[in-house]
Amino acid sequence: MPMKKYYRQRKKAANNRSSKSKKKSKISRVPCQAEYDPEEEILRKFDMDMAYGPCVGVTRLERWERAQKMGLNPPQEIERILKSDKDIKVQQQCLWNKKIGDNYKIIEYYMAA
């Protein structure tokens, strides 16, 4: 039996362009940097730094205080931002809270049972 029956051969197309034109996405991309205050950017960097312990399930201030008690020397600037009286848009929850916070609560529920 010839090998051509097992492995179908294709001829190279004369035109290398695809027949379908690429459609542009209707969703416009907004640069992430434009959405946040400088204070929020500092807090997001704090959230990403695992040297101060996990951040899911606790507020940013609770995490900072826990790291301080454990002698991890978190930046004083974080405490200043979180305790400031300024009317700034600072979220108290970490950046992962919306993304995996609900899943974390589900896991806690099953672990407690």
PDB file of N, CA and C in Angstrom:
ATOM      1  N   MET A   1       0.848  -1.169   0.000  1.00  0.00           N
ATOM      2  CA  MET A   1       0.000   0.000   0.000  1.00  0.00           C
ATOM      3  C   MET A   1       0.899   1.239   0.000  1.00  0.00           C
ATOM      4  N   PRO A   2       0.666   2.188  -0.858  1.00  0.00           N
ATOM      5  CA  PRO A   2       1.522   3.375  -0.942  1.00  0.00           C
ATOM      6  C   PRO A   2       1.318   4.294   0.271  1.00  0.00           C
ATOM      7  N   MET A   3       2.392   4.999   0.614  1.00  0.00           N
ATOM      8  CA  MET A   3       2.379   5.906   1.764  1.00  0.00           C
ATOM      9  C   MET A   3       1.468   7.110   1.548  1.00  0.00           C
ATOM     10  N   LYS A   4       1.181   7.447   0.314  1.00  0.00           N
ATOM     11  CA  LYS A   4       0.360   8.620   0.029  1.00  0.00           C
ATOM     12  C   LYS A   4      -1.049   8.472   0.588  1.00  0.00           C
ATOM     13  N   LYS A   5      -1.500   7.239   0.752  1.00  0.00           N
ATOM     14  CA  LYS A   5      -2.837   7.054   1.296  1.00  0.00           C
ATOM     15  C   LYS A   5      -2.883   7.387   2.785  1.00  0.00           C
ATOM     16  N   TYR A   6      -1.783   7.163   3.478  1.00  0.00           N
ATOM     17  CA  TYR A   6      -1.742   7.449   4.903  1.00  0.00           C
ATOM     18  C   TYR A   6      -1.482   8.921   5.191  1.00  0.00           C
ATOM     19  N   TYR A   7      -0.616   9.511   4.437  1.00  0.00           N
ATOM     20  CA  TYR A   7      -0.247  10.909   4.641  1.00  0.00           C
ATOM     21  C   TYR A   7      -0.657  11.706   3.418  1.00  0.00           C
ATOM     22  N   ARG A   8      -1.722  12.448   3.556  1.00  0.00           N
ATOM     23  CA  ARG A   8      -2.204  13.232   2.425  1.00  0.00           C
ATOM     24  C   ARG A   8      -1.247  14.378   2.156  1.00  0.00           C
ATOM     25  N   GLN A   9      -0.923  14.568   0.941  1.00  0.00           N
ATOM     26  CA  GLN A   9      -0.025  15.645   0.553  1.00  0.00           C
ATOM     27  C   GLN A   9      -0.842  16.812   0.032  1.00  0.00           C
ATOM     28  N   ARG A  10      -0.364  17.983   0.375  1.00  0.00           N
ATOM     29  CA  ARG A  10      -1.032  19.189  -0.106  1.00  0.00           C
ATOM     30  C   ARG A  10      -0.069  19.975  -0.960  1.00  0.00           C
ATOM     31  N   LYS A  11      -0.610  20.541  -1.976  1.00  0.00           N
ATOM     32  CA  LYS A  11       0.202  21.393  -2.837  1.00  0.00           C
ATOM     33  C   LYS A  11       0.277  22.776  -2.208  1.00  0.00           C
ATOM     34  N   LYS A  12       1.416  23.414  -2.390  1.00  0.00           N
ATOM     35  CA  LYS A  12       1.579  24.765  -1.879  1.00  0.00           C
ATOM     36  C   LYS A  12       0.679  25.709  -2.658  1.00  0.00           C
ATOM     37  N   ALA A  13       0.057  26.608  -1.938  1.00  0.00           N
ATOM     38  CA  ALA A  13      -0.822  27.576  -2.574  1.00  0.00           C
ATOM     39  C   ALA A  13       0.011  28.607  -3.314  1.00  0.00           C
ATOM     40  N   ALA A  14      -0.497  29.039  -4.440  1.00  0.00           N
ATOM     41  CA  ALA A  14       0.205  30.049  -5.230  1.00  0.00           C
ATOM     42  C   ALA A  14       0.180  31.391  -4.502  1.00  0.00           C
ATOM     43  N   ASN A  15      -0.891  31.647  -3.807  1.00  0.00           N
ATOM     44  CA  ASN A  15      -1.037  32.893  -3.074  1.00  0.00           C
ATOM     45  C   ASN A  15      -0.892  32.583  -1.586  1.00  0.00           C
ATOM     46  N   ASN A  16       0.069  33.158  -0.921  1.00  0.00           N
ATOM     47  CA  ASN A  16       0.314  32.869   0.486  1.00  0.00           C
ATOM     48  C   ASN A  16      -0.631  33.616   1.427  1.00  0.00           C
ATOM     49  N   ARG A  17      -1.398  34.530   0.907  1.00  0.00           N
ATOM     50  CA  ARG A  17      -2.324  35.283   1.740  1.00  0.00           C
ATOM     51  C   ARG A  17      -3.537  34.425   2.075  1.00  0.00           C
ATOM     52  N   SER A  18      -4.057  34.634   3.258  1.00  0.00           N
ATOM     53  CA  SER A  18      -5.257  33.896   3.636  1.00  0.00           C
ATOM     54  C   SER A  18      -6.455  34.519   2.943  1.00  0.00           C
ATOM     55  N   SER A  19      -7.442  33.710   2.706  1.00  0.00           N
ATOM     56  CA  SER A  19      -8.610  34.191   1.986  1.00  0.00           C
ATOM     57  C   SER A  19      -9.482  35.081   2.865  1.00  0.00           C
ATOM     58  N   LYS A  20      -9.422  34.884   4.158  1.00  0.00           N
ATOM     59  CA  LYS A  20     -10.220  35.692   5.069  1.00  0.00           C
ATOM     60  C   LYS A  20      -9.413  36.905   5.524  1.00  0.00           C
ATOM     61  N   SER A  21     -10.038  38.036   5.519  1.00  0.00           N
ATOM     62  CA  SER A  21      -9.354  39.227   6.023  1.00  0.00           C
ATOM     63  C   SER A  21      -9.511  39.261   7.542  1.00  0.00           C
ATOM     64  N   LYS A  22      -8.488  39.753   8.204  1.00  0.00           N
ATOM     65  CA  LYS A  22      -8.534  39.821   9.656  1.00  0.00           C
ATOM     66  C   LYS A  22      -9.428  40.980  10.071  1.00  0.00           C
ATOM     67  N   LYS A  23     -10.360  40.668  10.935  1.00  0.00           N
ATOM     68  CA  LYS A  23     -11.266  41.698  11.423  1.00  0.00           C
ATOM     69  C   LYS A  23     -10.688  42.306  12.690  1.00  0.00           C
ATOM     70  N   LYS A  24     -10.849  43.594  12.811  1.00  0.00           N
ATOM     71  CA  LYS A  24     -10.383  44.277  14.012  1.00  0.00           C
ATOM     72  C   LYS A  24     -11.382  44.037  15.137  1.00  0.00           C
ATOM     73  N   SER A  25     -10.867  43.930  16.317  1.00  0.00           N
ATOM     74  CA  SER A  25     -11.710  43.714  17.476  1.00  0.00           C
ATOM     75  C   SER A  25     -12.541  44.965  17.745  1.00  0.00           C
ATOM     76  N   LYS A  26     -13.773  44.751  18.143  1.00  0.00           N
ATOM     77  CA  LYS A  26     -14.643  45.874  18.466  1.00  0.00           C
ATOM     78  C   LYS A  26     -14.315  46.454  19.844  1.00  0.00           C
ATOM     79  N   ILE A  27     -13.613  45.678  20.641  1.00  0.00           N
ATOM     80  CA  ILE A  27     -13.257  46.125  21.981  1.00  0.00           C
ATOM     81  C   ILE A  27     -11.990  46.965  21.903  1.00  0.00           C
ATOM     82  N   SER A  28     -12.085  48.171  22.385  1.00  0.00           N
ATOM     83  CA  SER A  28     -10.892  49.016  22.387  1.00  0.00           C
ATOM     84  C   SER A  28     -10.116  48.760  23.672  1.00  0.00           C
ATOM     85  N   ARG A  29      -8.820  48.744  23.565  1.00  0.00           N
ATOM     86  CA  ARG A  29      -7.971  48.491  24.725  1.00  0.00           C
ATOM     87  C   ARG A  29      -7.572  49.812  25.355  1.00  0.00           C
ATOM     88  N   VAL A  30      -7.779  49.879  26.642  1.00  0.00           N
ATOM     89  CA  VAL A  30      -7.411  51.064  27.401  1.00  0.00           C
ATOM     90  C   VAL A  30      -6.113  50.754  28.133  1.00  0.00           C
ATOM     91  N   PRO A  31      -5.137  51.623  28.045  1.00  0.00           N
ATOM     92  CA  PRO A  31      -3.900  51.369  28.788  1.00  0.00           C
ATOM     93  C   PRO A  31      -4.177  51.274  30.283  1.00  0.00           C
ATOM     94  N   CYS A  32      -3.615  50.286  30.917  1.00  0.00           N
ATOM     95  CA  CYS A  32      -3.855  50.060  32.347  1.00  0.00           C
ATOM     96  C   CYS A  32      -3.307  51.190  33.202  1.00  0.00           C
ATOM     97  N   GLN A  33      -2.226  51.794  32.775  1.00  0.00           N
ATOM     98  CA  GLN A  33      -1.589  52.833  33.578  1.00  0.00           C
ATOM     99  C   GLN A  33      -2.504  54.035  33.790  1.00  0.00           C
ATOM    100  N   ALA A  34      -3.383  54.326  32.837  1.00  0.00           N
ATOM    101  CA  ALA A  34      -4.213  55.519  32.921  1.00  0.00           C
ATOM    102  C   ALA A  34      -5.329  55.388  33.958  1.00  0.00           C
ATOM    103  N   GLU A  35      -5.639  54.180  34.387  1.00  0.00           N
ATOM    104  CA  GLU A  35      -6.771  53.963  35.269  1.00  0.00           C
ATOM    105  C   GLU A  35      -6.477  54.237  36.739  1.00  0.00           C
ATOM    106  N   TYR A  36      -5.231  54.230  37.144  1.00  0.00           N
ATOM    107  CA  TYR A  36      -4.907  54.236  38.556  1.00  0.00           C
ATOM    108  C   TYR A  36      -4.109  55.467  38.968  1.00  0.00           C
ATOM    109  N   ASP A  37      -4.341  55.869  40.214  1.00  0.00           N
ATOM    110  CA  ASP A  37      -3.555  56.945  40.814  1.00  0.00           C
ATOM    111  C   ASP A  37      -2.148  56.435  41.099  1.00  0.00           C
ATOM    112  N   PRO A  38      -1.196  57.335  41.299  1.00  0.00           N
ATOM    113  CA  PRO A  38       0.156  56.890  41.674  1.00  0.00           C
ATOM    114  C   PRO A  38       0.162  56.097  42.985  1.00  0.00           C
ATOM    115  N   GLU A  39      -0.725  56.481  43.927  1.00  0.00           N
ATOM    116  CA  GLU A  39      -0.808  55.751  45.192  1.00  0.00           C
ATOM    117  C   GLU A  39      -1.275  54.318  44.967  1.00  0.00           C
ATOM    118  N   GLU A  40      -2.248  54.150  44.074  1.00  0.00           N
ATOM    119  CA  GLU A  40      -2.753  52.807  43.770  1.00  0.00           C
ATOM    120  C   GLU A  40      -1.678  51.957  43.105  1.00  0.00           C
ATOM    121  N   GLU A  41      -0.848  52.569  42.278  1.00  0.00           N
ATOM    122  CA  GLU A  41       0.261  51.835  41.647  1.00  0.00           C
ATOM    123  C   GLU A  41       1.242  51.326  42.705  1.00  0.00           C
ATOM    124  N   ILE A  42       1.533  52.156  43.704  1.00  0.00           N
ATOM    125  CA  ILE A  42       2.433  51.746  44.785  1.00  0.00           C
ATOM    126  C   ILE A  42       1.820  50.582  45.556  1.00  0.00           C
ATOM    127  N   LEU A  43       0.517  50.672  45.830  1.00  0.00           N
ATOM    128  CA  LEU A  43      -0.158  49.601  46.561  1.00  0.00           C
ATOM    129  C   LEU A  43      -0.210  48.307  45.747  1.00  0.00           C
ATOM    130  N   ARG A  44      -0.352  48.416  44.443  1.00  0.00           N
ATOM    131  CA  ARG A  44      -0.354  47.221  43.592  1.00  0.00           C
ATOM    132  C   ARG A  44       1.011  46.540  43.599  1.00  0.00           C
ATOM    133  N   LYS A  45       2.061  47.331  43.636  1.00  0.00           N
ATOM    134  CA  LYS A  45       3.403  46.741  43.741  1.00  0.00           C
ATOM    135  C   LYS A  45       3.561  46.029  45.081  1.00  0.00           C
ATOM    136  N   PHE A  46       2.982  46.604  46.125  1.00  0.00           N
ATOM    137  CA  PHE A  46       2.987  45.961  47.443  1.00  0.00           C
ATOM    138  C   PHE A  46       2.230  44.631  47.391  1.00  0.00           C
ATOM    139  N   ASP A  47       1.102  44.612  46.686  1.00  0.00           N
ATOM    140  CA  ASP A  47       0.325  43.377  46.537  1.00  0.00           C
ATOM    141  C   ASP A  47       1.121  42.290  45.820  1.00  0.00           C
ATOM    142  N   MET A  48       1.915  42.686  44.856  1.00  0.00           N
ATOM    143  CA  MET A  48       2.671  41.720  44.057  1.00  0.00           C
ATOM    144  C   MET A  48       3.913  41.197  44.775  1.00  0.00           C
ATOM    145  N   ASP A  49       4.334  41.873  45.835  1.00  0.00           N
ATOM    146  CA  ASP A  49       5.544  41.468  46.553  1.00  0.00           C
ATOM    147  C   ASP A  49       5.183  40.428  47.609  1.00  0.00           C
ATOM    148  N   MET A  50       5.534  39.185  47.357  1.00  0.00           N
ATOM    149  CA  MET A  50       5.190  38.091  48.263  1.00  0.00           C
ATOM    150  C   MET A  50       6.075  38.041  49.510  1.00  0.00           C
ATOM    151  N   ALA A  51       7.033  38.929  49.613  1.00  0.00           N
ATOM    152  CA  ALA A  51       7.906  38.960  50.792  1.00  0.00           C
ATOM    153  C   ALA A  51       7.132  39.322  52.056  1.00  0.00           C
ATOM    154  N   TYR A  52       5.960  39.940  51.893  1.00  0.00           N
ATOM    155  CA  TYR A  52       5.169  40.374  53.040  1.00  0.00           C
ATOM    156  C   TYR A  52       3.999  39.441  53.328  1.00  0.00           C
ATOM    157  N   GLY A  53       4.001  38.267  52.757  1.00  0.00           N
ATOM    158  CA  GLY A  53       2.973  37.267  53.012  1.00  0.00           C
ATOM    159  C   GLY A  53       1.834  37.339  52.019  1.00  0.00           C
ATOM    160  N   PRO A  54       0.905  36.383  52.135  1.00  0.00           N
ATOM    161  CA  PRO A  54      -0.224  36.335  51.198  1.00  0.00           C
ATOM    162  C   PRO A  54      -1.147  37.533  51.380  1.00  0.00           C
ATOM    163  N   CYS A  55      -1.815  37.915  50.302  1.00  0.00           N
ATOM    164  CA  CYS A  55      -2.659  39.106  50.365  1.00  0.00           C
ATOM    165  C   CYS A  55      -4.141  38.804  50.164  1.00  0.00           C
ATOM    166  N   VAL A  56      -4.480  37.593  49.783  1.00  0.00           N
ATOM    167  CA  VAL A  56      -5.881  37.257  49.537  1.00  0.00           C
ATOM    168  C   VAL A  56      -6.568  36.958  50.862  1.00  0.00           C
ATOM    169  N   GLY A  57      -7.744  37.533  51.036  1.00  0.00           N
ATOM    170  CA  GLY A  57      -8.518  37.284  52.246  1.00  0.00           C
ATOM    171  C   GLY A  57      -8.299  38.291  53.352  1.00  0.00           C
ATOM    172  N   VAL A  58      -7.360  39.210  53.188  1.00  0.00           N
ATOM    173  CA  VAL A  58      -7.114  40.262  54.178  1.00  0.00           C
ATOM    174  C   VAL A  58      -7.035  41.598  53.450  1.00  0.00           C
ATOM    175  N   THR A  59      -7.309  42.658  54.192  1.00  0.00           N
ATOM    176  CA  THR A  59      -7.172  43.978  53.585  1.00  0.00           C
ATOM    177  C   THR A  59      -5.695  44.327  53.484  1.00  0.00           C
ATOM    178  N   ARG A  60      -5.411  45.360  52.741  1.00  0.00           N
ATOM    179  CA  ARG A  60      -4.018  45.793  52.586  1.00  0.00           C
ATOM    180  C   ARG A  60      -3.432  46.249  53.917  1.00  0.00           C
ATOM    181  N   LEU A  61      -4.235  46.946  54.702  1.00  0.00           N
ATOM    182  CA  LEU A  61      -3.745  47.421  55.997  1.00  0.00           C
ATOM    183  C   LEU A  61      -3.491  46.249  56.948  1.00  0.00           C
ATOM    184  N   GLU A  62      -4.386  45.264  56.959  1.00  0.00           N
ATOM    185  CA  GLU A  62      -4.172  44.076  57.796  1.00  0.00           C
ATOM    186  C   GLU A  62      -2.900  43.347  57.378  1.00  0.00           C
ATOM    187  N   ARG A  63      -2.665  43.269  56.096  1.00  0.00           N
ATOM    188  CA  ARG A  63      -1.451  42.611  55.597  1.00  0.00           C
ATOM    189  C   ARG A  63      -0.207  43.389  56.013  1.00  0.00           C
ATOM    190  N   TRP A  64      -0.272  44.723  55.909  1.00  0.00           N
ATOM    191  CA  TRP A  64       0.867  45.547  56.309  1.00  0.00           C
ATOM    192  C   TRP A  64       1.148  45.364  57.804  1.00  0.00           C
ATOM    193  N   GLU A  65       0.088  45.401  58.629  1.00  0.00           N
ATOM    194  CA  GLU A  65       0.255  45.251  60.079  1.00  0.00           C
ATOM    195  C   GLU A  65       0.797  43.867  60.432  1.00  0.00           C
ATOM    196  N   ARG A  66       0.322  42.834  59.759  1.00  0.00           N
ATOM    197  CA  ARG A  66       0.823  41.480  60.005  1.00  0.00           C
ATOM    198  C   ARG A  66       2.304  41.388  59.657  1.00  0.00           C
ATOM    199  N   ALA A  67       2.687  41.968  58.524  1.00  0.00           N
ATOM    200  CA  ALA A  67       4.096  41.957  58.121  1.00  0.00           C
ATOM    201  C   ALA A  67       4.953  42.729  59.120  1.00  0.00           C
ATOM    202  N   GLN A  68       4.422  43.823  59.647  1.00  0.00           N
ATOM    203  CA  GLN A  68       5.149  44.617  60.648  1.00  0.00           C
ATOM    204  C   GLN A  68       5.356  43.808  61.930  1.00  0.00           C
ATOM    205  N   LYS A  69       4.305  43.106  62.372  1.00  0.00           N
ATOM    206  CA  LYS A  69       4.404  42.291  63.589  1.00  0.00           C
ATOM    207  C   LYS A  69       5.390  41.140  63.421  1.00  0.00           C
ATOM    208  N   MET A  70       5.493  40.628  62.201  1.00  0.00           N
ATOM    209  CA  MET A  70       6.391  39.501  61.938  1.00  0.00           C
ATOM    210  C   MET A  70       7.820  39.954  61.680  1.00  0.00           C
ATOM    211  N   GLY A  71       8.055  41.266  61.699  1.00  0.00           N
ATOM    212  CA  GLY A  71       9.405  41.794  61.509  1.00  0.00           C
ATOM    213  C   GLY A  71       9.877  41.774  60.065  1.00  0.00           C
ATOM    214  N   LEU A  72       8.935  41.850  59.116  1.00  0.00           N
ATOM    215  CA  LEU A  72       9.293  41.822  57.695  1.00  0.00           C
ATOM    216  C   LEU A  72       9.593  43.209  57.136  1.00  0.00           C
ATOM    217  N   ASN A  73       9.437  44.230  57.960  1.00  0.00           N
ATOM    218  CA  ASN A  73       9.736  45.621  57.595  1.00  0.00           C
ATOM    219  C   ASN A  73       9.064  46.066  56.297  1.00  0.00           C
ATOM    220  N   PRO A  74       7.730  46.111  56.274  1.00  0.00           N
ATOM    221  CA  PRO A  74       7.054  46.617  55.075  1.00  0.00           C
ATOM    222  C   PRO A  74       7.294  48.117  54.937  1.00  0.00           C
ATOM    223  N   PRO A  75       7.196  48.660  53.742  1.00  0.00           N
ATOM    224  CA  PRO A  75       7.455  50.090  53.537  1.00  0.00           C
ATOM    225  C   PRO A  75       6.486  50.971  54.331  1.00  0.00           C
ATOM    226  N   GLN A  76       7.029  51.992  54.971  1.00  0.00           N
ATOM    227  CA  GLN A  76       6.209  52.925  55.742  1.00  0.00           C
ATOM    228  C   GLN A  76       5.276  53.721  54.829  1.00  0.00           C
ATOM    229  N   GLU A  77       5.676  53.870  53.587  1.00  0.00           N
ATOM    230  CA  GLU A  77       4.857  54.613  52.626  1.00  0.00           C
ATOM    231  C   GLU A  77       3.499  53.944  52.428  1.00  0.00           C
ATOM    232  N   ILE A  78       3.466  52.621  52.501  1.00  0.00           N
ATOM    233  CA  ILE A  78       2.208  51.884  52.342  1.00  0.00           C
ATOM    234  C   ILE A  78       1.259  52.230  53.484  1.00  0.00           C
ATOM    235  N   GLU A  79       1.773  52.232  54.702  1.00  0.00           N
ATOM    236  CA  GLU A  79       0.951  52.592  55.864  1.00  0.00           C
ATOM    237  C   GLU A  79       0.453  54.024  55.739  1.00  0.00           C
ATOM    238  N   ARG A  80       1.324  54.923  55.314  1.00  0.00           N
ATOM    239  CA  ARG A  80       0.944  56.335  55.161  1.00  0.00           C
ATOM    240  C   ARG A  80      -0.195  56.479  54.155  1.00  0.00           C
ATOM    241  N   ILE A  81      -0.109  55.750  53.040  1.00  0.00           N
ATOM    242  CA  ILE A  81      -1.153  55.837  52.014  1.00  0.00           C
ATOM    243  C   ILE A  81      -2.467  55.265  52.535  1.00  0.00           C
ATOM    244  N   LEU A  82      -2.395  54.115  53.191  1.00  0.00           N
ATOM    245  CA  LEU A  82      -3.612  53.453  53.657  1.00  0.00           C
ATOM    246  C   LEU A  82      -4.295  54.198  54.795  1.00  0.00           C
ATOM    247  N   LYS A  83      -3.526  54.895  55.624  1.00  0.00           N
ATOM    248  CA  LYS A  83      -4.098  55.616  56.760  1.00  0.00           C
ATOM    249  C   LYS A  83      -4.302  57.097  56.481  1.00  0.00           C
ATOM    250  N   SER A  84      -4.035  57.542  55.276  1.00  0.00           N
ATOM    251  CA  SER A  84      -4.149  58.970  54.962  1.00  0.00           C
ATOM    252  C   SER A  84      -5.610  59.399  54.956  1.00  0.00           C
ATOM    253  N   ASP A  85      -5.818  60.667  55.274  1.00  0.00           N
ATOM    254  CA  ASP A  85      -7.163  61.241  55.291  1.00  0.00           C
ATOM    255  C   ASP A  85      -7.535  61.856  53.951  1.00  0.00           C
ATOM    256  N   LYS A  86      -6.645  61.750  52.987  1.00  0.00           N
ATOM    257  CA  LYS A  86      -6.907  62.330  51.673  1.00  0.00           C
ATOM    258  C   LYS A  86      -8.098  61.635  51.026  1.00  0.00           C
ATOM    259  N   ASP A  87      -8.772  62.374  50.179  1.00  0.00           N
ATOM    260  CA  ASP A  87      -9.883  61.793  49.428  1.00  0.00           C
ATOM    261  C   ASP A  87      -9.334  61.227  48.115  1.00  0.00           C
ATOM    262  N   ILE A  88      -8.653  60.109  48.213  1.00  0.00           N
ATOM    263  CA  ILE A  88      -8.079  59.478  47.028  1.00  0.00           C
ATOM    264  C   ILE A  88      -8.752  58.135  46.806  1.00  0.00           C
ATOM    265  N   LYS A  89      -8.656  57.674  45.583  1.00  0.00           N
ATOM    266  CA  LYS A  89      -9.273  56.400  45.226  1.00  0.00           C
ATOM    267  C   LYS A  89      -8.311  55.258  45.549  1.00  0.00           C
ATOM    268  N   VAL A  90      -8.281  54.859  46.794  1.00  0.00           N
ATOM    269  CA  VAL A  90      -7.423  53.753  47.214  1.00  0.00           C
ATOM    270  C   VAL A  90      -8.324  52.607  47.638  1.00  0.00           C
ATOM    271  N   GLN A  91      -8.149  51.493  47.011  1.00  0.00           N
ATOM    272  CA  GLN A  91      -8.917  50.312  47.382  1.00  0.00           C
ATOM    273  C   GLN A  91      -8.265  49.652  48.589  1.00  0.00           C
ATOM    274  N   GLN A  92      -9.078  49.231  49.511  1.00  0.00           N
ATOM    275  CA  GLN A  92      -8.553  48.583  50.712  1.00  0.00           C
ATOM    276  C   GLN A  92      -8.191  47.125  50.460  1.00  0.00           C
ATOM    277  N   GLN A  93      -8.836  46.511  49.488  1.00  0.00           N
ATOM    278  CA  GLN A  93      -8.555  45.109  49.171  1.00  0.00           C
ATOM    279  C   GLN A  93      -7.429  45.023  48.151  1.00  0.00           C
ATOM    280  N   CYS A  94      -6.718  43.901  48.156  1.00  0.00           N
ATOM    281  CA  CYS A  94      -5.607  43.716  47.223  1.00  0.00           C
ATOM    282  C   CYS A  94      -6.126  43.555  45.797  1.00  0.00           C
ATOM    283  N   LEU A  95      -5.239  43.676  44.844  1.00  0.00           N
ATOM    284  CA  LEU A  95      -5.649  43.606  43.447  1.00  0.00           C
ATOM    285  C   LEU A  95      -6.157  42.227  43.063  1.00  0.00           C
ATOM    286  N   TRP A  96      -5.803  41.183  43.801  1.00  0.00           N
ATOM    287  CA  TRP A  96      -6.250  39.820  43.485  1.00  0.00           C
ATOM    288  C   TRP A  96      -7.618  39.518  44.069  1.00  0.00           C
ATOM    289  N   ASN A  97      -8.123  40.362  44.949  1.00  0.00           N
ATOM    290  CA  ASN A  97      -9.352  40.057  45.660  1.00  0.00           C
ATOM    291  C   ASN A  97     -10.527  39.820  44.717  1.00  0.00           C
ATOM    292  N   LYS A  98     -10.673  40.645  43.694  1.00  0.00           N
ATOM    293  CA  LYS A  98     -11.787  40.490  42.759  1.00  0.00           C
ATOM    294  C   LYS A  98     -11.594  39.277  41.858  1.00  0.00           C
ATOM    295  N   LYS A  99     -10.351  38.963  41.560  1.00  0.00           N
ATOM    296  CA  LYS A  99     -10.075  37.888  40.612  1.00  0.00           C
ATOM    297  C   LYS A  99     -10.158  36.511  41.246  1.00  0.00           C
ATOM    298  N   ILE A 100      -9.574  36.345  42.427  1.00  0.00           N
ATOM    299  CA  ILE A 100      -9.577  35.021  43.043  1.00  0.00           C
ATOM    300  C   ILE A 100     -10.183  35.018  44.435  1.00  0.00           C
ATOM    301  N   GLY A 101     -10.669  36.142  44.884  1.00  0.00           N
ATOM    302  CA  GLY A 101     -11.241  36.224  46.222  1.00  0.00           C
ATOM    303  C   GLY A 101     -12.453  35.333  46.402  1.00  0.00           C
ATOM    304  N   ASP A 102     -13.331  35.277  45.399  1.00  0.00           N
ATOM    305  CA  ASP A 102     -14.515  34.434  45.498  1.00  0.00           C
ATOM    306  C   ASP A 102     -14.131  32.961  45.543  1.00  0.00           C
ATOM    307  N   ASN A 103     -13.144  32.568  44.753  1.00  0.00           N
ATOM    308  CA  ASN A 103     -12.685  31.181  44.776  1.00  0.00           C
ATOM    309  C   ASN A 103     -12.066  30.848  46.126  1.00  0.00           C
ATOM    310  N   TYR A 104     -11.389  31.802  46.721  1.00  0.00           N
ATOM    311  CA  TYR A 104     -10.765  31.610  48.031  1.00  0.00           C
ATOM    312  C   TYR A 104     -11.827  31.331  49.086  1.00  0.00           C
ATOM    313  N   LYS A 105     -12.956  32.049  49.019  1.00  0.00           N
ATOM    314  CA  LYS A 105     -14.041  31.832  49.971  1.00  0.00           C
ATOM    315  C   LYS A 105     -14.641  30.442  49.803  1.00  0.00           C
ATOM    316  N   ILE A 106     -14.748  29.981  48.575  1.00  0.00           N
ATOM    317  CA  ILE A 106     -15.267  28.639  48.312  1.00  0.00           C
ATOM    318  C   ILE A 106     -14.333  27.592  48.908  1.00  0.00           C
ATOM    319  N   ILE A 107     -13.035  27.777  48.730  1.00  0.00           N
ATOM    320  CA  ILE A 107     -12.056  26.838  49.279  1.00  0.00           C
ATOM    321  C   ILE A 107     -12.133  26.832  50.804  1.00  0.00           C
ATOM    322  N   GLU A 108     -12.254  28.020  51.418  1.00  0.00           N
ATOM    323  CA  GLU A 108     -12.373  28.097  52.873  1.00  0.00           C
ATOM    324  C   GLU A 108     -13.600  27.338  53.355  1.00  0.00           C
ATOM    325  N   TYR A 109     -14.698  27.442  52.610  1.00  0.00           N
ATOM    326  CA  TYR A 109     -15.938  26.762  52.977  1.00  0.00           C
ATOM    327  C   TYR A 109     -15.733  25.250  53.009  1.00  0.00           C
ATOM    328  N   TYR A 110     -15.098  24.719  51.977  1.00  0.00           N
ATOM    329  CA  TYR A 110     -14.881  23.277  51.908  1.00  0.00           C
ATOM    330  C   TYR A 110     -13.824  22.799  52.902  1.00  0.00           C
ATOM    331  N   MET A 111     -12.856  23.643  53.210  1.00  0.00           N
ATOM    332  CA  MET A 111     -11.825  23.265  54.183  1.00  0.00           C
ATOM    333  C   MET A 111     -12.415  23.205  55.593  1.00  0.00           C
ATOM    334  N   ALA A 112     -13.384  24.069  55.880  1.00  0.00           N
ATOM    335  CA  ALA A 112     -13.998  24.103  57.202  1.00  0.00           C
ATOM    336  C   ALA A 112     -14.924  22.905  57.425  1.00  0.00           C
ATOM    337  N   ALA A 113     -15.475  22.371  56.358  1.00  0.00           N
ATOM    338  CA  ALA A 113     -16.431  21.248  56.477  1.00  0.00           C
ATOM    339  C   ALA A 113     -15.762  19.946  56.826  1.00  0.00           C
TER     340      ALA A 113
END
